[in-house]
Amino acid sequence: MKAIVVTDPMCSWCWGMAPAIELAASQLEGEVEFDFMLGGINTHASQFIGDYGKRHLFKIWHEVAATTGQSFGFRLPERLVYNSKLPCMAVQVVRARFGKPPFGYLHRLQQVFFVEGRNINDADILAHTAGDFGCDREEFLRELEDSRLIAQVADEFSSSRTYGTSALPNVLWEVDGARSLLAGGYADAQMLVALIDVKKNSQALV
């Protein structure tokens, strides 16, 4: 049995839900495996975000902070393309390096962006952050440009949208390779554990 979080390094509600995911995974350790898929945000965008876009984002961030209690710095890099393709690729490089879902790196990138206001579309920042998790800088940057990685991430973006909602975050439930939607949108740890318990119990009765 597996819970799969559909998330993204540049998704504000995903950052808001990060502590809930960590707490639920801790409470269910040894019972349910936690993994994630990357959804992708504005992956074809190429223009710098303007003042209106920044104000709109800050409005969302205030809502997320009020709902979840998560921290935001309410500042953005001066020249930011709000396109999560590159940070998603970075997350997959770290996954391949360690052979397991790198929740720590994902949540650290979210913190760098949403709290510290740094540009996680900058390869140097991505590499420096990966270095804190044991990745070699030059190897990381080389793998970040791998054409196979680009195709893999594009496939994951497409796949993540096929389970009942295009919004982020959401959580899928997987048993024996079959996936279904468990939670669409934000859920706190208590709700998430309760939803998983229902699935576990129903599975036990099968």
Protein backbone atom coordinates (compact mmCIF):
# COMPACT_ATOMS: atom_id res chain seq x y z
CA MET A 1 0.00 0.00 0.00
CA LYS A 2 1.31 3.39 -0.98
CA ALA A 3 0.24 7.03 -0.66
CA ILE A 4 1.48 9.14 -3.56
CA VAL A 5 1.47 12.92 -3.20
CA VAL A 6 1.05 14.83 -6.47
CA THR A 7 3.07 17.94 -5.76
CA ASP A 8 5.46 20.52 -7.18
CA PRO A 9 8.40 22.60 -5.90
CA MET A 10 6.63 25.85 -6.92
CA CYS A 11 3.12 24.99 -5.69
CA SER A 12 2.14 27.16 -2.72
CA TRP A 13 -0.54 24.78 -1.40
CA CYS A 14 1.97 21.93 -1.71
CA TRP A 15 4.36 23.88 0.52
CA GLY A 16 1.47 24.48 2.89
CA MET A 17 0.80 20.75 3.03
CA ALA A 18 4.45 19.70 3.43
CA PRO A 19 4.35 19.44 7.27
CA ALA A 20 1.14 17.40 7.08
CA ILE A 21 2.79 14.95 4.67
CA GLU A 22 5.84 14.61 6.91
CA LEU A 23 3.72 14.05 10.01
CA ALA A 24 1.41 11.53 8.34
CA ALA A 25 4.38 9.62 6.91
CA SER A 26 5.96 9.52 10.37
CA GLN A 27 2.76 8.27 12.01
CA LEU A 28 2.24 5.58 9.37
CA GLU A 29 5.86 4.49 9.07
CA GLY A 30 6.11 0.76 8.54
CA GLU A 31 2.47 0.54 7.45
CA VAL A 32 2.18 2.72 4.35
CA GLU A 33 4.88 3.79 1.93
CA PHE A 34 4.87 7.47 0.93
CA ASP A 35 6.00 8.64 -2.49
CA PHE A 36 5.33 11.60 -4.75
CA MET A 37 4.72 12.53 -8.37
CA LEU A 38 5.53 15.94 -9.84
CA GLY A 39 2.66 17.86 -11.39
CA GLY A 40 4.43 20.71 -13.15
CA ILE A 41 3.34 24.36 -13.04
CA ASN A 42 3.36 26.73 -16.05
CA THR A 43 5.82 24.43 -17.75
CA HIS A 44 5.67 26.32 -21.05
CA ALA A 45 6.04 29.79 -19.51
CA SER A 46 9.00 31.87 -20.67
CA GLN A 47 8.14 35.44 -19.62
CA PHE A 48 9.19 37.09 -16.37
CA ILE A 49 6.35 37.46 -13.89
CA GLY A 50 5.10 41.04 -13.57
CA ASP A 51 3.76 43.13 -10.72
CA TYR A 52 0.19 41.91 -11.17
CA GLY A 53 1.32 38.29 -11.11
CA LYS A 54 3.33 38.89 -7.95
CA ARG A 55 0.36 40.50 -6.21
CA HIS A 56 -1.81 37.56 -7.22
CA LEU A 57 0.71 35.08 -5.86
CA PHE A 58 1.03 36.92 -2.57
CA LYS A 59 -2.76 36.86 -2.20
CA ILE A 60 -2.68 33.06 -2.57
CA TRP A 61 0.24 32.80 -0.17
CA HIS A 62 -1.66 34.76 2.49
CA GLU A 63 -4.56 32.32 2.10
CA VAL A 64 -2.29 29.29 2.34
CA ALA A 65 -0.53 30.71 5.41
CA ALA A 66 -3.85 31.46 7.12
CA THR A 67 -5.21 27.98 6.38
CA THR A 68 -2.14 25.86 7.07
CA GLY A 69 0.04 27.94 9.40
CA GLN A 70 2.98 27.46 7.04
CA SER A 71 5.61 30.19 6.75
CA PHE A 72 6.05 32.48 3.73
CA GLY A 73 8.57 35.26 3.20
CA PHE A 74 6.34 37.22 0.78
CA ARG A 75 9.14 38.16 -1.55
CA LEU A 76 10.13 36.97 -5.00
CA PRO A 77 13.27 37.23 -7.13
CA GLU A 78 13.33 40.28 -9.39
CA ARG A 79 13.51 38.27 -12.61
CA LEU A 80 11.47 35.12 -12.17
CA VAL A 81 9.88 32.89 -14.77
CA TYR A 82 7.17 31.02 -12.87
CA ASN A 83 7.88 27.70 -14.55
CA SER A 84 8.61 24.65 -12.40
CA LYS A 85 10.13 22.39 -15.08
CA LEU A 86 13.77 22.90 -14.05
CA PRO A 87 13.27 22.43 -10.28
CA CYS A 88 11.18 19.34 -11.01
CA MET A 89 14.06 17.97 -13.06
CA ALA A 90 16.38 18.72 -10.16
CA VAL A 91 14.15 16.73 -7.81
CA GLN A 92 14.30 13.77 -10.18
CA VAL A 93 18.10 13.98 -10.35
CA VAL A 94 18.23 13.67 -6.57
CA ARG A 95 15.70 10.81 -6.64
CA ALA A 96 17.87 8.91 -9.11
CA ARG A 97 20.96 9.61 -7.01
CA PHE A 98 19.51 8.02 -3.88
CA GLY A 99 16.91 5.63 -5.33
CA LYS A 100 14.05 6.87 -3.16
CA PRO A 101 11.63 9.81 -3.08
CA PRO A 102 13.63 12.84 -1.86
CA PHE A 103 10.96 14.53 0.26
CA GLY A 104 13.70 16.38 2.15
CA TYR A 105 15.13 17.98 -0.99
CA LEU A 106 11.67 18.77 -2.38
CA HIS A 107 10.56 20.49 0.82
CA ARG A 108 13.87 22.32 1.12
CA LEU A 109 13.45 23.73 -2.39
CA GLN A 110 9.97 24.89 -1.44
CA GLN A 111 11.41 26.60 1.62
CA VAL A 112 14.14 28.27 -0.45
CA PHE A 113 11.50 29.65 -2.79
CA PHE A 114 8.50 30.44 -0.59
CA VAL A 115 10.30 31.56 2.58
CA GLU A 116 13.72 32.77 1.47
CA GLY A 117 12.56 34.26 -1.83
CA ARG A 118 15.37 32.77 -3.91
CA ASN A 119 15.05 31.65 -7.51
CA ILE A 120 14.83 27.87 -7.77
CA ASN A 121 14.91 28.22 -11.55
CA ASP A 122 18.60 28.98 -11.10
CA ALA A 123 20.66 25.85 -11.70
CA ASP A 124 23.36 27.04 -9.28
CA ILE A 125 20.83 27.33 -6.44
CA LEU A 126 19.42 23.90 -7.28
CA ALA A 127 22.91 22.40 -7.28
CA HIS A 128 23.94 24.13 -4.05
CA THR A 129 20.80 22.87 -2.32
CA ALA A 130 21.37 19.36 -3.68
CA GLY A 131 24.89 19.54 -2.28
CA ASP A 132 23.40 19.87 1.19
CA PHE A 133 21.86 16.43 0.58
CA GLY A 134 25.08 14.78 -0.54
CA CYS A 135 25.04 15.36 -4.31
CA ASP A 136 28.19 16.25 -6.22
CA ARG A 137 27.76 19.65 -7.87
CA GLU A 138 29.29 18.89 -11.28
CA GLU A 139 27.57 15.52 -11.56
CA PHE A 140 24.26 17.09 -10.58
CA LEU A 141 24.55 19.87 -13.19
CA ARG A 142 25.51 17.37 -15.87
CA GLU A 143 22.54 15.13 -15.12
CA LEU A 144 20.23 18.14 -15.05
CA GLU A 145 20.80 18.52 -18.81
CA ASP A 146 20.21 14.86 -19.69
CA SER A 147 17.64 14.53 -22.50
CA ARG A 148 16.29 11.33 -20.97
CA LEU A 149 15.51 13.22 -17.77
CA ILE A 150 13.63 15.87 -19.73
CA ALA A 151 11.45 13.19 -21.34
CA GLN A 152 10.91 11.41 -18.02
CA VAL A 153 9.72 14.59 -16.30
CA ALA A 154 7.40 15.44 -19.20
CA ASP A 155 5.85 11.97 -18.93
CA GLU A 156 5.37 12.41 -15.19
CA PHE A 157 3.63 15.76 -15.70
CA SER A 158 1.24 14.10 -18.14
CA SER A 159 0.63 11.06 -15.95
CA SER A 160 -0.05 13.11 -12.81
CA ARG A 161 -3.08 14.73 -14.46
CA THR A 162 -4.91 11.49 -15.16
CA TYR A 163 -6.21 10.67 -11.68
CA GLY A 164 -9.31 12.79 -11.24
CA THR A 165 -8.08 16.32 -10.66
CA SER A 166 -5.65 18.76 -12.25
CA ALA A 167 -5.23 20.77 -9.02
CA LEU A 168 -2.24 20.49 -6.71
CA PRO A 169 -1.66 19.03 -4.26
CA ASN A 170 -3.59 15.81 -4.25
CA VAL A 171 -2.91 12.36 -2.87
CA LEU A 172 -3.32 9.05 -4.66
CA TRP A 173 -3.79 5.64 -3.11
CA GLU A 174 -1.98 2.71 -4.72
CA VAL A 175 -2.51 -0.99 -4.07
CA ASP A 176 -0.78 -3.58 -6.26
CA GLY A 177 -0.07 -0.94 -8.89
CA ALA A 178 -3.68 0.29 -9.16
CA ARG A 179 -4.13 3.97 -8.29
CA SER A 180 -7.14 6.02 -7.27
CA LEU A 181 -7.66 9.51 -5.90
CA LEU A 182 -7.47 9.61 -2.09
CA ALA A 183 -7.57 13.36 -1.40
CA GLY A 184 -8.01 16.26 -3.79
CA GLY A 185 -6.57 19.53 -2.55
CA TYR A 186 -5.12 20.41 0.82
CA ALA A 187 -5.56 17.97 3.72
CA ASP A 188 -4.03 18.23 7.17
CA ALA A 189 -2.23 15.29 8.76
CA GLN A 190 -5.21 14.16 10.83
CA MET A 191 -7.48 14.06 7.80
CA LEU A 192 -4.87 12.33 5.68
CA VAL A 193 -4.22 9.62 8.26
CA ALA A 194 -7.99 9.11 8.69
CA LEU A 195 -8.49 8.71 4.93
CA ILE A 196 -5.62 6.24 4.74
CA ASP A 197 -6.97 4.27 7.70
CA VAL A 198 -10.28 3.86 5.87
CA LYS A 199 -8.43 2.53 2.82
CA LYS A 200 -6.28 0.21 4.94
CA ASN A 201 -9.29 -1.20 6.74
CA SER A 202 -11.27 -1.74 3.57
CA GLN A 203 -8.27 -3.46 2.00
CA ALA A 204 -7.99 -5.76 5.02
CA LEU A 205 -11.57 -6.90 4.44
CA VAL A 206 -10.96 -7.85 0.82
